Amino acid sequence: MELALVLPLLVVLALVLLQVGLVVRDQVLVVHAAREAARAAAVDPSAAAARRAALAGGPLDPHRLEVRVTAGGRGRPVGVSLVYRSPTMAPLVGPLLPDVRLTGQASMRREY
């Protein structure tokens, strides 16, 4: 009898923990993608190169990713900031939660 009362709460708690794990994984991917984009922006002046490098850095949805490049002069840092809307997709609890906005930033010295 008690298990029937507690089991649904435990299942929902496990699904919430799963969703938190997915968001944390996406945050790590966004930070890695920002580093890759900054590395590409340091050697290539086009903003498209930074976006391509960010998307190649991990399995991020290109429709949910925004890439901004702030350029400096030769030998100056070039900065990249990423904004990613991480989907909440765990069964039962995912549709109840809004998408999570994740950010990542990196900078590198411009090489050209």
PDB file of N, CA and C in Angstrom:
ATOM      1  N   MET A   1       0.812  -1.195   0.000  1.00  0.00           N
ATOM      2  CA  MET A   1       0.000   0.000   0.000  1.00  0.00           C
ATOM      3  C   MET A   1       0.864   1.271   0.000  1.00  0.00           C
ATOM      4  N   GLU A   2       1.868   1.339   0.864  1.00  0.00           N
ATOM      5  CA  GLU A   2       2.712   2.523   0.930  1.00  0.00           C
ATOM      6  C   GLU A   2       3.525   2.686  -0.348  1.00  0.00           C
ATOM      7  N   LEU A   3       3.956   1.582  -0.935  1.00  0.00           N
ATOM      8  CA  LEU A   3       4.722   1.657  -2.180  1.00  0.00           C
ATOM      9  C   LEU A   3       3.895   2.286  -3.294  1.00  0.00           C
ATOM     10  N   ALA A   4       2.619   1.978  -3.339  1.00  0.00           N
ATOM     11  CA  ALA A   4       1.742   2.552  -4.355  1.00  0.00           C
ATOM     12  C   ALA A   4       1.614   4.066  -4.197  1.00  0.00           C
ATOM     13  N   LEU A   5       1.764   4.558  -2.985  1.00  0.00           N
ATOM     14  CA  LEU A   5       1.681   5.998  -2.762  1.00  0.00           C
ATOM     15  C   LEU A   5       3.001   6.705  -3.052  1.00  0.00           C
ATOM     16  N   VAL A   6       4.105   6.048  -2.768  1.00  0.00           N
ATOM     17  CA  VAL A   6       5.416   6.667  -2.894  1.00  0.00           C
ATOM     18  C   VAL A   6       6.021   6.493  -4.288  1.00  0.00           C
ATOM     19  N   LEU A   7       5.697   5.411  -4.963  1.00  0.00           N
ATOM     20  CA  LEU A   7       6.313   5.114  -6.260  1.00  0.00           C
ATOM     21  C   LEU A   7       6.125   6.220  -7.304  1.00  0.00           C
ATOM     22  N   PRO A   8       4.936   6.787  -7.471  1.00  0.00           N
ATOM     23  CA  PRO A   8       4.813   7.874  -8.461  1.00  0.00           C
ATOM     24  C   PRO A   8       5.707   9.073  -8.139  1.00  0.00           C
ATOM     25  N   LEU A   9       5.856   9.399  -6.875  1.00  0.00           N
ATOM     26  CA  LEU A   9       6.739  10.500  -6.499  1.00  0.00           C
ATOM     27  C   LEU A   9       8.190  10.172  -6.802  1.00  0.00           C
ATOM     28  N   LEU A  10       8.592   8.948  -6.562  1.00  0.00           N
ATOM     29  CA  LEU A  10       9.958   8.546  -6.867  1.00  0.00           C
ATOM     30  C   LEU A  10      10.230   8.564  -8.368  1.00  0.00           C
ATOM     31  N   VAL A  11       9.262   8.164  -9.154  1.00  0.00           N
ATOM     32  CA  VAL A  11       9.425   8.175 -10.612  1.00  0.00           C
ATOM     33  C   VAL A  11       9.551   9.610 -11.117  1.00  0.00           C
ATOM     34  N   VAL A  12       8.710  10.498 -10.619  1.00  0.00           N
ATOM     35  CA  VAL A  12       8.788  11.904 -11.033  1.00  0.00           C
ATOM     36  C   VAL A  12      10.123  12.507 -10.604  1.00  0.00           C
ATOM     37  N   LEU A  13      10.585  12.200  -9.401  1.00  0.00           N
ATOM     38  CA  LEU A  13      11.875  12.693  -8.929  1.00  0.00           C
ATOM     39  C   LEU A  13      13.013  12.180  -9.813  1.00  0.00           C
ATOM     40  N   ALA A  14      12.959  10.905 -10.193  1.00  0.00           N
ATOM     41  CA  ALA A  14      13.985  10.337 -11.076  1.00  0.00           C
ATOM     42  C   ALA A  14      13.971  11.021 -12.442  1.00  0.00           C
ATOM     43  N   LEU A  15      12.783  11.330 -12.970  1.00  0.00           N
ATOM     44  CA  LEU A  15      12.696  12.009 -14.260  1.00  0.00           C
ATOM     45  C   LEU A  15      13.194  13.450 -14.181  1.00  0.00           C
ATOM     46  N   VAL A  16      12.954  14.125 -13.075  1.00  0.00           N
ATOM     47  CA  VAL A  16      13.478  15.481 -12.894  1.00  0.00           C
ATOM     48  C   VAL A  16      14.999  15.439 -12.837  1.00  0.00           C
ATOM     49  N   LEU A  17      15.551  14.464 -12.123  1.00  0.00           N
ATOM     50  CA  LEU A  17      17.005  14.320 -12.071  1.00  0.00           C
ATOM     51  C   LEU A  17      17.582  14.020 -13.449  1.00  0.00           C
ATOM     52  N   LEU A  18      16.887  13.214 -14.238  1.00  0.00           N
ATOM     53  CA  LEU A  18      17.317  12.941 -15.605  1.00  0.00           C
ATOM     54  C   LEU A  18      17.349  14.227 -16.423  1.00  0.00           C
ATOM     55  N   GLN A  19      16.314  15.058 -16.287  1.00  0.00           N
ATOM     56  CA  GLN A  19      16.261  16.318 -17.036  1.00  0.00           C
ATOM     57  C   GLN A  19      17.385  17.253 -16.604  1.00  0.00           C
ATOM     58  N   VAL A  20      17.671  17.310 -15.321  1.00  0.00           N
ATOM     59  CA  VAL A  20      18.775  18.143 -14.839  1.00  0.00           C
ATOM     60  C   VAL A  20      20.090  17.652 -15.434  1.00  0.00           C
ATOM     61  N   GLY A  21      20.272  16.346 -15.490  1.00  0.00           N
ATOM     62  CA  GLY A  21      21.485  15.785 -16.098  1.00  0.00           C
ATOM     63  C   GLY A  21      21.614  16.152 -17.565  1.00  0.00           C
ATOM     64  N   LEU A  22      20.514  16.151 -18.289  1.00  0.00           N
ATOM     65  CA  LEU A  22      20.541  16.528 -19.705  1.00  0.00           C
ATOM     66  C   LEU A  22      20.904  18.005 -19.881  1.00  0.00           C
ATOM     67  N   VAL A  23      20.409  18.859 -19.017  1.00  0.00           N
ATOM     68  CA  VAL A  23      20.726  20.288 -19.104  1.00  0.00           C
ATOM     69  C   VAL A  23      22.198  20.525 -18.764  1.00  0.00           C
ATOM     70  N   VAL A  24      22.708  19.820 -17.772  1.00  0.00           N
ATOM     71  CA  VAL A  24      24.124  19.957 -17.417  1.00  0.00           C
ATOM     72  C   VAL A  24      25.001  19.487 -18.573  1.00  0.00           C
ATOM     73  N   ARG A  25      24.612  18.391 -19.220  1.00  0.00           N
ATOM     74  CA  ARG A  25      25.365  17.912 -20.388  1.00  0.00           C
ATOM     75  C   ARG A  25      25.365  18.969 -21.491  1.00  0.00           C
ATOM     76  N   ASP A  26      24.213  19.594 -21.742  1.00  0.00           N
ATOM     77  CA  ASP A  26      24.142  20.637 -22.763  1.00  0.00           C
ATOM     78  C   ASP A  26      25.004  21.840 -22.392  1.00  0.00           C
ATOM     79  N   GLN A  27      25.087  22.179 -21.109  1.00  0.00           N
ATOM     80  CA  GLN A  27      25.937  23.301 -20.694  1.00  0.00           C
ATOM     81  C   GLN A  27      27.404  23.004 -20.984  1.00  0.00           C
ATOM     82  N   VAL A  28      27.828  21.785 -20.710  1.00  0.00           N
ATOM     83  CA  VAL A  28      29.212  21.403 -21.014  1.00  0.00           C
ATOM     84  C   VAL A  28      29.460  21.475 -22.521  1.00  0.00           C
ATOM     85  N   LEU A  29      28.495  21.027 -23.320  1.00  0.00           N
ATOM     86  CA  LEU A  29      28.632  21.096 -24.775  1.00  0.00           C
ATOM     87  C   LEU A  29      28.695  22.543 -25.271  1.00  0.00           C
ATOM     88  N   VAL A  30      27.922  23.430 -24.660  1.00  0.00           N
ATOM     89  CA  VAL A  30      27.912  24.834 -25.077  1.00  0.00           C
ATOM     90  C   VAL A  30      29.258  25.485 -24.768  1.00  0.00           C
ATOM     91  N   VAL A  31      29.822  25.204 -23.608  1.00  0.00           N
ATOM     92  CA  VAL A  31      31.137  25.773 -23.269  1.00  0.00           C
ATOM     93  C   VAL A  31      32.204  25.245 -24.226  1.00  0.00           C
ATOM     94  N   HIS A  32      32.150  23.958 -24.533  1.00  0.00           N
ATOM     95  CA  HIS A  32      33.103  23.381 -25.487  1.00  0.00           C
ATOM     96  C   HIS A  32      32.923  24.003 -26.879  1.00  0.00           C
ATOM     97  N   ALA A  33      31.676  24.183 -27.297  1.00  0.00           N
ATOM     98  CA  ALA A  33      31.409  24.785 -28.600  1.00  0.00           C
ATOM     99  C   ALA A  33      31.901  26.227 -28.649  1.00  0.00           C
ATOM    100  N   ALA A  34      31.802  26.958 -27.537  1.00  0.00           N
ATOM    101  CA  ALA A  34      32.307  28.335 -27.501  1.00  0.00           C
ATOM    102  C   ALA A  34      33.818  28.359 -27.687  1.00  0.00           C
ATOM    103  N   ARG A  35      34.518  27.418 -27.074  1.00  0.00           N
ATOM    104  CA  ARG A  35      35.975  27.354 -27.259  1.00  0.00           C
ATOM    105  C   ARG A  35      36.336  27.036 -28.706  1.00  0.00           C
ATOM    106  N   GLU A  36      35.609  26.097 -29.298  1.00  0.00           N
ATOM    107  CA  GLU A  36      35.872  25.748 -30.697  1.00  0.00           C
ATOM    108  C   GLU A  36      35.584  26.935 -31.617  1.00  0.00           C
ATOM    109  N   ALA A  37      34.508  27.662 -31.337  1.00  0.00           N
ATOM    110  CA  ALA A  37      34.163  28.820 -32.166  1.00  0.00           C
ATOM    111  C   ALA A  37      35.205  29.926 -32.014  1.00  0.00           C
ATOM    112  N   ALA A  38      35.693  30.130 -30.805  1.00  0.00           N
ATOM    113  CA  ALA A  38      36.726  31.153 -30.601  1.00  0.00           C
ATOM    114  C   ALA A  38      38.017  30.774 -31.317  1.00  0.00           C
ATOM    115  N   ARG A  39      38.343  29.504 -31.293  1.00  0.00           N
ATOM    116  CA  ARG A  39      39.551  29.041 -31.998  1.00  0.00           C
ATOM    117  C   ARG A  39      39.415  29.291 -33.499  1.00  0.00           C
ATOM    118  N   ALA A  40      38.220  29.014 -34.044  1.00  0.00           N
ATOM    119  CA  ALA A  40      38.003  29.243 -35.478  1.00  0.00           C
ATOM    120  C   ALA A  40      37.977  30.729 -35.802  1.00  0.00           C
ATOM    121  N   ALA A  41      37.371  31.537 -34.935  1.00  0.00           N
ATOM    122  CA  ALA A  41      37.302  32.977 -35.186  1.00  0.00           C
ATOM    123  C   ALA A  41      38.672  33.640 -35.087  1.00  0.00           C
ATOM    124  N   ALA A  42      39.592  33.022 -34.360  1.00  0.00           N
ATOM    125  CA  ALA A  42      40.939  33.589 -34.229  1.00  0.00           C
ATOM    126  C   ALA A  42      41.743  33.463 -35.515  1.00  0.00           C
ATOM    127  N   VAL A  43      41.378  32.537 -36.376  1.00  0.00           N
ATOM    128  CA  VAL A  43      42.147  32.333 -37.609  1.00  0.00           C
ATOM    129  C   VAL A  43      41.350  32.639 -38.874  1.00  0.00           C
ATOM    130  N   ASP A  44      40.037  32.823 -38.761  1.00  0.00           N
ATOM    131  CA  ASP A  44      39.186  33.085 -39.928  1.00  0.00           C
ATOM    132  C   ASP A  44      38.263  34.258 -39.601  1.00  0.00           C
ATOM    133  N   PRO A  45      38.252  35.315 -40.415  1.00  0.00           N
ATOM    134  CA  PRO A  45      37.461  36.501 -40.083  1.00  0.00           C
ATOM    135  C   PRO A  45      35.946  36.339 -40.264  1.00  0.00           C
ATOM    136  N   SER A  46      35.480  35.300 -40.923  1.00  0.00           N
ATOM    137  CA  SER A  46      34.041  35.185 -41.176  1.00  0.00           C
ATOM    138  C   SER A  46      33.316  34.622 -39.956  1.00  0.00           C
ATOM    139  N   ALA A  47      32.136  35.188 -39.689  1.00  0.00           N
ATOM    140  CA  ALA A  47      31.313  34.707 -38.579  1.00  0.00           C
ATOM    141  C   ALA A  47      30.782  33.308 -38.857  1.00  0.00           C
ATOM    142  N   ALA A  48      30.642  32.966 -40.134  1.00  0.00           N
ATOM    143  CA  ALA A  48      30.149  31.630 -40.492  1.00  0.00           C
ATOM    144  C   ALA A  48      31.131  30.544 -40.056  1.00  0.00           C
ATOM    145  N   ALA A  49      32.418  30.846 -40.084  1.00  0.00           N
ATOM    146  CA  ALA A  49      33.418  29.861 -39.654  1.00  0.00           C
ATOM    147  C   ALA A  49      33.266  29.564 -38.169  1.00  0.00           C
ATOM    148  N   ALA A  50      32.993  30.585 -37.378  1.00  0.00           N
ATOM    149  CA  ALA A  50      32.795  30.376 -35.939  1.00  0.00           C
ATOM    150  C   ALA A  50      31.548  29.540 -35.688  1.00  0.00           C
ATOM    151  N   ARG A  51      30.481  29.802 -36.425  1.00  0.00           N
ATOM    152  CA  ARG A  51      29.244  29.016 -36.254  1.00  0.00           C
ATOM    153  C   ARG A  51      29.468  27.565 -36.652  1.00  0.00           C
ATOM    154  N   ARG A  52      30.156  27.357 -37.772  1.00  0.00           N
ATOM    155  CA  ARG A  52      30.438  25.975 -38.205  1.00  0.00           C
ATOM    156  C   ARG A  52      31.261  25.233 -37.163  1.00  0.00           C
ATOM    157  N   ALA A  53      32.254  25.906 -36.602  1.00  0.00           N
ATOM    158  CA  ALA A  53      33.099  25.269 -35.587  1.00  0.00           C
ATOM    159  C   ALA A  53      32.298  24.960 -34.325  1.00  0.00           C
ATOM    160  N   ALA A  54      31.393  25.857 -33.945  1.00  0.00           N
ATOM    161  CA  ALA A  54      30.566  25.615 -32.756  1.00  0.00           C
ATOM    162  C   ALA A  54      29.668  24.408 -32.962  1.00  0.00           C
ATOM    163  N   LEU A  55      29.096  24.291 -34.150  1.00  0.00           N
ATOM    164  CA  LEU A  55      28.212  23.151 -34.416  1.00  0.00           C
ATOM    165  C   LEU A  55      28.984  21.852 -34.567  1.00  0.00           C
ATOM    166  N   ALA A  56      30.223  21.936 -35.043  1.00  0.00           N
ATOM    167  CA  ALA A  56      31.040  20.728 -35.176  1.00  0.00           C
ATOM    168  C   ALA A  56      31.557  20.258 -33.821  1.00  0.00           C
ATOM    169  N   GLY A  57      31.517  21.129 -32.809  1.00  0.00           N
ATOM    170  CA  GLY A  57      32.038  20.783 -31.491  1.00  0.00           C
ATOM    171  C   GLY A  57      31.184  19.811 -30.713  1.00  0.00           C
ATOM    172  N   GLY A  58      29.959  19.594 -31.123  1.00  0.00           N
ATOM    173  CA  GLY A  58      29.096  18.671 -30.383  1.00  0.00           C
ATOM    174  C   GLY A  58      27.724  18.583 -31.015  1.00  0.00           C
ATOM    175  N   PRO A  59      26.883  17.724 -30.474  1.00  0.00           N
ATOM    176  CA  PRO A  59      25.549  17.519 -31.061  1.00  0.00           C
ATOM    177  C   PRO A  59      24.531  18.566 -30.613  1.00  0.00           C
ATOM    178  N   LEU A  60      24.767  19.823 -30.961  1.00  0.00           N
ATOM    179  CA  LEU A  60      23.820  20.891 -30.638  1.00  0.00           C
ATOM    180  C   LEU A  60      22.895  21.132 -31.821  1.00  0.00           C
ATOM    181  N   ASP A  61      21.649  21.438 -31.535  1.00  0.00           N
ATOM    182  CA  ASP A  61      20.658  21.716 -32.579  1.00  0.00           C
ATOM    183  C   ASP A  61      20.953  23.093 -33.174  1.00  0.00           C
ATOM    184  N   PRO A  62      21.231  23.176 -34.482  1.00  0.00           N
ATOM    185  CA  PRO A  62      21.581  24.474 -35.075  1.00  0.00           C
ATOM    186  C   PRO A  62      20.460  25.506 -35.005  1.00  0.00           C
ATOM    187  N   HIS A  63      19.203  25.074 -34.903  1.00  0.00           N
ATOM    188  CA  HIS A  63      18.086  26.007 -34.841  1.00  0.00           C
ATOM    189  C   HIS A  63      17.946  26.633 -33.461  1.00  0.00           C
ATOM    190  N   ARG A  64      18.596  26.068 -32.458  1.00  0.00           N
ATOM    191  CA  ARG A  64      18.504  26.568 -31.087  1.00  0.00           C
ATOM    192  C   ARG A  64      19.768  27.322 -30.664  1.00  0.00           C
ATOM    193  N   LEU A  65      20.729  27.483 -31.582  1.00  0.00           N
ATOM    194  CA  LEU A  65      22.022  28.060 -31.241  1.00  0.00           C
ATOM    195  C   LEU A  65      22.197  29.431 -31.869  1.00  0.00           C
ATOM    196  N   GLU A  66      22.619  30.413 -31.060  1.00  0.00           N
ATOM    197  CA  GLU A  66      22.981  31.751 -31.546  1.00  0.00           C
ATOM    198  C   GLU A  66      24.464  31.954 -31.263  1.00  0.00           C
ATOM    199  N   VAL A  67      25.186  32.452 -32.269  1.00  0.00           N
ATOM    200  CA  VAL A  67      26.625  32.700 -32.127  1.00  0.00           C
ATOM    201  C   VAL A  67      26.885  34.169 -32.398  1.00  0.00           C
ATOM    202  N   ARG A  68      27.569  34.826 -31.465  1.00  0.00           N
ATOM    203  CA  ARG A  68      27.956  36.229 -31.639  1.00  0.00           C
ATOM    204  C   ARG A  68      29.468  36.331 -31.541  1.00  0.00           C
ATOM    205  N   VAL A  69      30.069  37.008 -32.512  1.00  0.00           N
ATOM    206  CA  VAL A  69      31.528  37.177 -32.540  1.00  0.00           C
ATOM    207  C   VAL A  69      31.827  38.658 -32.365  1.00  0.00           C
ATOM    208  N   THR A  70      32.682  38.981 -31.419  1.00  0.00           N
ATOM    209  CA  THR A  70      33.158  40.353 -31.237  1.00  0.00           C
ATOM    210  C   THR A  70      34.637  40.370 -31.573  1.00  0.00           C
ATOM    211  N   ALA A  71      34.975  41.108 -32.610  1.00  0.00           N
ATOM    212  CA  ALA A  71      36.333  41.063 -33.141  1.00  0.00           C
ATOM    213  C   ALA A  71      37.162  42.236 -32.660  1.00  0.00           C
ATOM    214  N   GLY A  72      38.431  41.977 -32.494  1.00  0.00           N
ATOM    215  CA  GLY A  72      39.411  43.013 -32.205  1.00  0.00           C
ATOM    216  C   GLY A  72      40.356  43.104 -33.393  1.00  0.00           C
ATOM    217  N   GLY A  73      41.350  43.938 -33.291  1.00  0.00           N
ATOM    218  CA  GLY A  73      42.333  44.074 -34.353  1.00  0.00           C
ATOM    219  C   GLY A  73      43.352  42.940 -34.301  1.00  0.00           C
ATOM    220  N   ARG A  74      44.348  43.030 -35.150  1.00  0.00           N
ATOM    221  CA  ARG A  74      45.387  41.997 -35.210  1.00  0.00           C
ATOM    222  C   ARG A  74      46.103  41.908 -33.862  1.00  0.00           C
ATOM    223  N   GLY A  75      46.221  40.696 -33.352  1.00  0.00           N
ATOM    224  CA  GLY A  75      46.866  40.465 -32.075  1.00  0.00           C
ATOM    225  C   GLY A  75      45.980  40.740 -30.870  1.00  0.00           C
ATOM    226  N   ARG A  76      44.777  41.243 -31.114  1.00  0.00           N
ATOM    227  CA  ARG A  76      43.824  41.531 -30.037  1.00  0.00           C
ATOM    228  C   ARG A  76      42.894  40.337 -29.856  1.00  0.00           C
ATOM    229  N   PRO A  77      42.254  40.212 -28.713  1.00  0.00           N
ATOM    230  CA  PRO A  77      41.350  39.077 -28.508  1.00  0.00           C
ATOM    231  C   PRO A  77      40.082  39.167 -29.355  1.00  0.00           C
ATOM    232  N   VAL A  78      39.651  38.041 -29.832  1.00  0.00           N
ATOM    233  CA  VAL A  78      38.351  37.921 -30.476  1.00  0.00           C
ATOM    234  C   VAL A  78      37.478  37.112 -29.515  1.00  0.00           C
ATOM    235  N   GLY A  79      36.290  37.610 -29.253  1.00  0.00           N
ATOM    236  CA  GLY A  79      35.399  36.951 -28.306  1.00  0.00           C
ATOM    237  C   GLY A  79      34.232  36.304 -29.017  1.00  0.00           C
ATOM    238  N   VAL A  80      33.787  35.203 -28.469  1.00  0.00           N
ATOM    239  CA  VAL A  80      32.626  34.496 -28.997  1.00  0.00           C
ATOM    240  C   VAL A  80      31.685  34.218 -27.831  1.00  0.00           C
ATOM    241  N   SER A  81      30.418  34.540 -28.010  1.00  0.00           N
ATOM    242  CA  SER A  81      29.424  34.179 -27.005  1.00  0.00           C
ATOM    243  C   SER A  81      28.322  33.376 -27.681  1.00  0.00           C
ATOM    244  N   LEU A  82      27.937  32.298 -27.033  1.00  0.00           N
ATOM    245  CA  LEU A  82      26.905  31.402 -27.547  1.00  0.00           C
ATOM    246  C   LEU A  82      25.704  31.427 -26.617  1.00  0.00           C
ATOM    247  N   VAL A  83      24.538  31.361 -27.203  1.00  0.00           N
ATOM    248  CA  VAL A  83      23.297  31.201 -26.454  1.00  0.00           C
ATOM    249  C   VAL A  83      22.597  29.991 -27.046  1.00  0.00           C
ATOM    250  N   TYR A  84      22.240  29.047 -26.180  1.00  0.00           N
ATOM    251  CA  TYR A  84      21.588  27.819 -26.634  1.00  0.00           C
ATOM    252  C   TYR A  84      20.340  27.587 -25.798  1.00  0.00           C
ATOM    253  N   ARG A  85      19.240  27.321 -26.466  1.00  0.00           N
ATOM    254  CA  ARG A  85      17.993  26.975 -25.775  1.00  0.00           C
ATOM    255  C   ARG A  85      17.926  25.463 -25.648  1.00  0.00           C
ATOM    256  N   SER A  86      18.230  24.958 -24.466  1.00  0.00           N
ATOM    257  CA  SER A  86      18.260  23.518 -24.231  1.00  0.00           C
ATOM    258  C   SER A  86      16.832  23.003 -24.076  1.00  0.00           C
ATOM    259  N   PRO A  87      16.448  22.028 -24.890  1.00  0.00           N
ATOM    260  CA  PRO A  87      15.078  21.523 -24.794  1.00  0.00           C
ATOM    261  C   PRO A  87      14.888  20.667 -23.544  1.00  0.00           C
ATOM    262  N   THR A  88      13.712  20.760 -22.976  1.00  0.00           N
ATOM    263  CA  THR A  88      13.359  19.881 -21.867  1.00  0.00           C
ATOM    264  C   THR A  88      12.527  18.752 -22.466  1.00  0.00           C
ATOM    265  N   MET A  89      13.102  17.563 -22.478  1.00  0.00           N
ATOM    266  CA  MET A  89      12.455  16.475 -23.221  1.00  0.00           C
ATOM    267  C   MET A  89      12.333  15.184 -22.429  1.00  0.00           C
ATOM    268  N   ALA A  90      12.548  15.203 -21.125  1.00  0.00           N
ATOM    269  CA  ALA A  90      12.368  13.985 -20.327  1.00  0.00           C
ATOM    270  C   ALA A  90      10.877  13.631 -20.316  1.00  0.00           C
ATOM    271  N   PRO A  91      10.563  12.350 -20.337  1.00  0.00           N
ATOM    272  CA  PRO A  91       9.147  11.957 -20.337  1.00  0.00           C
ATOM    273  C   PRO A  91       8.411  12.504 -19.110  1.00  0.00           C
ATOM    274  N   LEU A  92       7.196  12.876 -19.289  1.00  0.00           N
ATOM    275  CA  LEU A  92       6.280  13.388 -18.268  1.00  0.00           C
ATOM    276  C   LEU A  92       6.656  14.775 -17.743  1.00  0.00           C
ATOM    277  N   VAL A  93       7.892  15.011 -17.336  1.00  0.00           N
ATOM    278  CA  VAL A  93       8.250  16.305 -16.751  1.00  0.00           C
ATOM    279  C   VAL A  93       8.769  17.296 -17.782  1.00  0.00           C
ATOM    280  N   GLY A  94       9.295  16.832 -18.902  1.00  0.00           N
ATOM    281  CA  GLY A  94       9.839  17.715 -19.928  1.00  0.00           C
ATOM    282  C   GLY A  94       8.830  18.715 -20.468  1.00  0.00           C
ATOM    283  N   PRO A  95       7.629  18.274 -20.849  1.00  0.00           N
ATOM    284  CA  PRO A  95       6.644  19.230 -21.370  1.00  0.00           C
ATOM    285  C   PRO A  95       6.168  20.248 -20.330  1.00  0.00           C
ATOM    286  N   LEU A  96       6.350  19.957 -19.054  1.00  0.00           N
ATOM    287  CA  LEU A  96       5.916  20.883 -18.014  1.00  0.00           C
ATOM    288  C   LEU A  96       6.911  22.011 -17.774  1.00  0.00           C
ATOM    289  N   LEU A  97       8.153  21.825 -18.212  1.00  0.00           N
ATOM    290  CA  LEU A  97       9.209  22.796 -17.966  1.00  0.00           C
ATOM    291  C   LEU A  97       9.523  23.573 -19.237  1.00  0.00           C
ATOM    292  N   PRO A  98       9.855  24.867 -19.111  1.00  0.00           N
ATOM    293  CA  PRO A  98      10.247  25.630 -20.306  1.00  0.00           C
ATOM    294  C   PRO A  98      11.670  25.271 -20.724  1.00  0.00           C
ATOM    295  N   ASP A  99      12.020  25.631 -21.959  1.00  0.00           N
ATOM    296  CA  ASP A  99      13.400  25.445 -22.422  1.00  0.00           C
ATOM    297  C   ASP A  99      14.344  26.259 -21.533  1.00  0.00           C
ATOM    298  N   VAL A 100      15.541  25.732 -21.336  1.00  0.00           N
ATOM    299  CA  VAL A 100      16.525  26.383 -20.483  1.00  0.00           C
ATOM    300  C   VAL A 100      17.506  27.137 -21.375  1.00  0.00           C
ATOM    301  N   ARG A 101      17.785  28.392 -21.030  1.00  0.00           N
ATOM    302  CA  ARG A 101      18.709  29.230 -21.800  1.00  0.00           C
ATOM    303  C   ARG A 101      20.107  29.061 -21.229  1.00  0.00           C
ATOM    304  N   LEU A 102      21.018  28.533 -22.039  1.00  0.00           N
ATOM    305  CA  LEU A 102      22.398  28.292 -21.624  1.00  0.00           C
ATOM    306  C   LEU A 102      23.321  29.225 -22.393  1.00  0.00           C
ATOM    307  N   THR A 103      24.383  29.678 -21.759  1.00  0.00           N
ATOM    308  CA  THR A 103      25.337  30.557 -22.414  1.00  0.00           C
ATOM    309  C   THR A 103      26.755  30.030 -22.228  1.00  0.00           C
ATOM    310  N   GLY A 104      27.595  30.363 -23.182  1.00  0.00           N
ATOM    311  CA  GLY A 104      29.006  30.026 -23.103  1.00  0.00           C
ATOM    312  C   GLY A 104      29.812  31.127 -23.774  1.00  0.00           C
ATOM    313  N   GLN A 105      30.965  31.441 -23.201  1.00  0.00           N
ATOM    314  CA  GLN A 105      31.809  32.499 -23.753  1.00  0.00           C
ATOM    315  C   GLN A 105      33.253  32.039 -23.778  1.00  0.00           C
ATOM    316  N   ALA A 106      33.971  32.505 -24.781  1.00  0.00           N
ATOM    317  CA  ALA A 106      35.403  32.210 -24.883  1.00  0.00           C
ATOM    318  C   ALA A 106      36.050  33.314 -25.707  1.00  0.00           C
ATOM    319  N   SER A 107      37.351  33.490 -25.507  1.00  0.00           N
ATOM    320  CA  SER A 107      38.094  34.457 -26.314  1.00  0.00           C
ATOM    321  C   SER A 107      39.484  33.902 -26.586  1.00  0.00           C
ATOM    322  N   MET A 108      40.027  34.313 -27.729  1.00  0.00           N
ATOM    323  CA  MET A 108      41.379  33.920 -28.140  1.00  0.00           C
ATOM    324  C   MET A 108      42.019  35.091 -28.877  1.00  0.00           C
ATOM    325  N   ARG A 109      43.312  35.077 -28.920  1.00  0.00           N
ATOM    326  CA  ARG A 109      44.041  36.134 -29.623  1.00  0.00           C
ATOM    327  C   ARG A 109      43.917  35.923 -31.127  1.00  0.00           C
ATOM    328  N   ARG A 110      43.584  37.002 -31.817  1.00  0.00           N
ATOM    329  CA  ARG A 110      43.411  36.948 -33.268  1.00  0.00           C
ATOM    330  C   ARG A 110      44.765  36.694 -33.933  1.00  0.00           C
ATOM    331  N   GLU A 111      44.767  35.809 -34.925  1.00  0.00           N
ATOM    332  CA  GLU A 111      46.017  35.394 -35.585  1.00  0.00           C
ATOM    333  C   GLU A 111      46.244  36.060 -36.938  1.00  0.00           C
ATOM    334  N   TYR A 112      45.251  36.699 -37.514  1.00  0.00           N
ATOM    335  CA  TYR A 112      45.447  37.285 -38.848  1.00  0.00           C
ATOM    336  C   TYR A 112      45.498  38.776 -38.797  1.00  0.00           C
TER     337      TYR A 112
END
